[in-house]
C-alpha atoms as a PDB file:
ATOM      1  CA  MET A   1       0.000   0.000   0.000  1.00  0.00           C
ATOM      2  CA  ARG A   2       2.824   2.378   0.942  1.00  0.00           C
ATOM      3  CA  SER A   3       4.743   1.735  -2.291  1.00  0.00           C
ATOM      4  CA  LYS A   4       1.601   2.575  -4.274  1.00  0.00           C
ATOM      5  CA  CYS A   5       1.461   5.991  -2.567  1.00  0.00           C
ATOM      6  CA  VAL A   6       5.103   6.626  -3.463  1.00  0.00           C
ATOM      7  CA  VAL A   7       4.436   5.745  -7.110  1.00  0.00           C
ATOM      8  CA  VAL A   8       1.430   8.088  -7.180  1.00  0.00           C
ATOM      9  CA  GLN A   9       3.526  10.843  -5.580  1.00  0.00           C
ATOM     10  CA  LYS A  10       6.272  10.332  -8.159  1.00  0.00           C
ATOM     11  CA  ARG A  11       3.752  10.451 -11.003  1.00  0.00           C
ATOM     12  CA  LEU A  12       2.228  13.648  -9.620  1.00  0.00           C
ATOM     13  CA  TYR A  13       5.701  15.155  -9.289  1.00  0.00           C
ATOM     14  CA  ILE A  14       6.497  14.290 -12.915  1.00  0.00           C
ATOM     15  CA  LEU A  15       3.160  15.756 -14.038  1.00  0.00           C
ATOM     16  CA  GLU A  16       3.935  18.901 -12.036  1.00  0.00           C
ATOM     17  CA  GLU A  17       7.356  19.204 -13.668  1.00  0.00           C
ATOM     18  CA  VAL A  18       5.864  18.771 -17.154  1.00  0.00           C
ATOM     19  CA  LEU A  19       3.134  21.319 -16.449  1.00  0.00           C
ATOM     20  CA  ILE A  20       5.626  23.856 -15.091  1.00  0.00           C
ATOM     21  CA  PHE A  21       7.901  23.297 -18.106  1.00  0.00           C
ATOM     22  CA  LYS A  22       5.037  23.661 -20.581  1.00  0.00           C
ATOM     23  CA  VAL A  23       3.648  26.758 -18.863  1.00  0.00           C
ATOM     24  CA  SER A  24       7.051  28.461 -18.716  1.00  0.00           C
ATOM     25  CA  HIS A  25       7.688  27.519 -22.361  1.00  0.00           C
ATOM     26  CA  PHE A  26       4.264  28.933 -23.307  1.00  0.00           C
ATOM     27  CA  ILE A  27       4.986  32.174 -21.408  1.00  0.00           C
ATOM     28  CA  VAL A  28       8.372  32.548 -23.113  1.00  0.00           C
ATOM     29  CA  SER A  29       6.908  31.928 -26.581  1.00  0.00           C
ATOM     30  CA  LEU A  30       4.057  34.329 -25.807  1.00  0.00           C
ATOM     31  CA  ARG A  31       6.560  36.979 -24.724  1.00  0.00           C
ATOM     32  CA  ILE A  32       8.552  36.476 -27.927  1.00  0.00           C
ATOM     33  CA  ALA A  33       5.366  36.697 -30.014  1.00  0.00           C
ATOM     34  CA  LEU A  34       4.329  39.909 -28.240  1.00  0.00           C
ATOM     35  CA  THR A  35       7.785  41.400 -28.787  1.00  0.00           C
ATOM     36  CA  MET A  36       7.615  40.501 -32.482  1.00  0.00           C
ATOM     37  CA  MET A  37       4.141  42.013 -32.754  1.00  0.00           C
ATOM     38  CA  GLY A  38       5.369  45.184 -31.031  1.00  0.00           C
ATOM     39  CA  CYS A  39       8.271  45.497 -33.481  1.00  0.00           C
ATOM     40  CA  VAL A  40       5.989  44.941 -36.479  1.00  0.00           C
ATOM     41  CA  CYS A  41       3.408  47.415 -35.180  1.00  0.00           C
ATOM     42  CA  SER A  42       6.013  50.098 -34.470  1.00  0.00           C
ATOM     43  CA  PHE A  43       7.528  49.554 -37.945  1.00  0.00           C
ATOM     44  CA  ILE A  44       4.122  49.875 -39.650  1.00  0.00           C
ATOM     45  CA  PHE A  45       3.377  52.939 -37.517  1.00  0.00           C
ATOM     46  CA  ARG A  46       6.669  54.564 -38.547  1.00  0.00           C
ATOM     47  CA  VAL A  47       6.034  53.838 -42.247  1.00  0.00           C
ATOM     48  CA  MET A  48       2.497  55.234 -42.056  1.00  0.00           C
ATOM     49  CA  TRP A  49       3.711  58.273 -40.096  1.00  0.00           C
ATOM     50  CA  SER A  50       6.469  59.038 -42.645  1.00  0.00           C
ATOM     51  CA  ARG A  51       3.974  58.687 -45.511  1.00  0.00           C
ATOM     52  CA  LEU A  52       1.487  60.955 -43.748  1.00  0.00           C
ATOM     53  CA  SER A  53       4.141  63.596 -43.067  1.00  0.00           C
ATOM     54  CA  ILE A  54       5.295  63.437 -46.723  1.00  0.00           C
ATOM     55  CA  GLN A  55       1.691  63.858 -47.903  1.00  0.00           C
ATOM     56  CA  GLY A  56       1.265  66.768 -45.493  1.00  0.00           C
ATOM     57  CA  GLN A  57       4.393  68.481 -46.907  1.00  0.00           C
ATOM     58  CA  GLU A  58       3.167  67.982 -50.504  1.00  0.00           C
ATOM     59  CA  MET A  59      -0.154  69.627 -49.700  1.00  0.00           C
END
C-alpha cells in the first residue's frame, strides 16, 4: 500500500514538472510573439507616419 502511494507521488511530481515546463515555455513563446508584434506594429506605424508627413508636406 505504501509503495503505491510513493508511485502516485512520483507520477504527480512528474506531471507537475511537465506542467511547469510547458507553462514556462508557453509564457516565453508568448513573450517572444508579443515582442515581435510590437516590433511589427512600431515599424508599420513609422512607415504610415512618414507617408502621412510626406503627404502633409506635398499639400
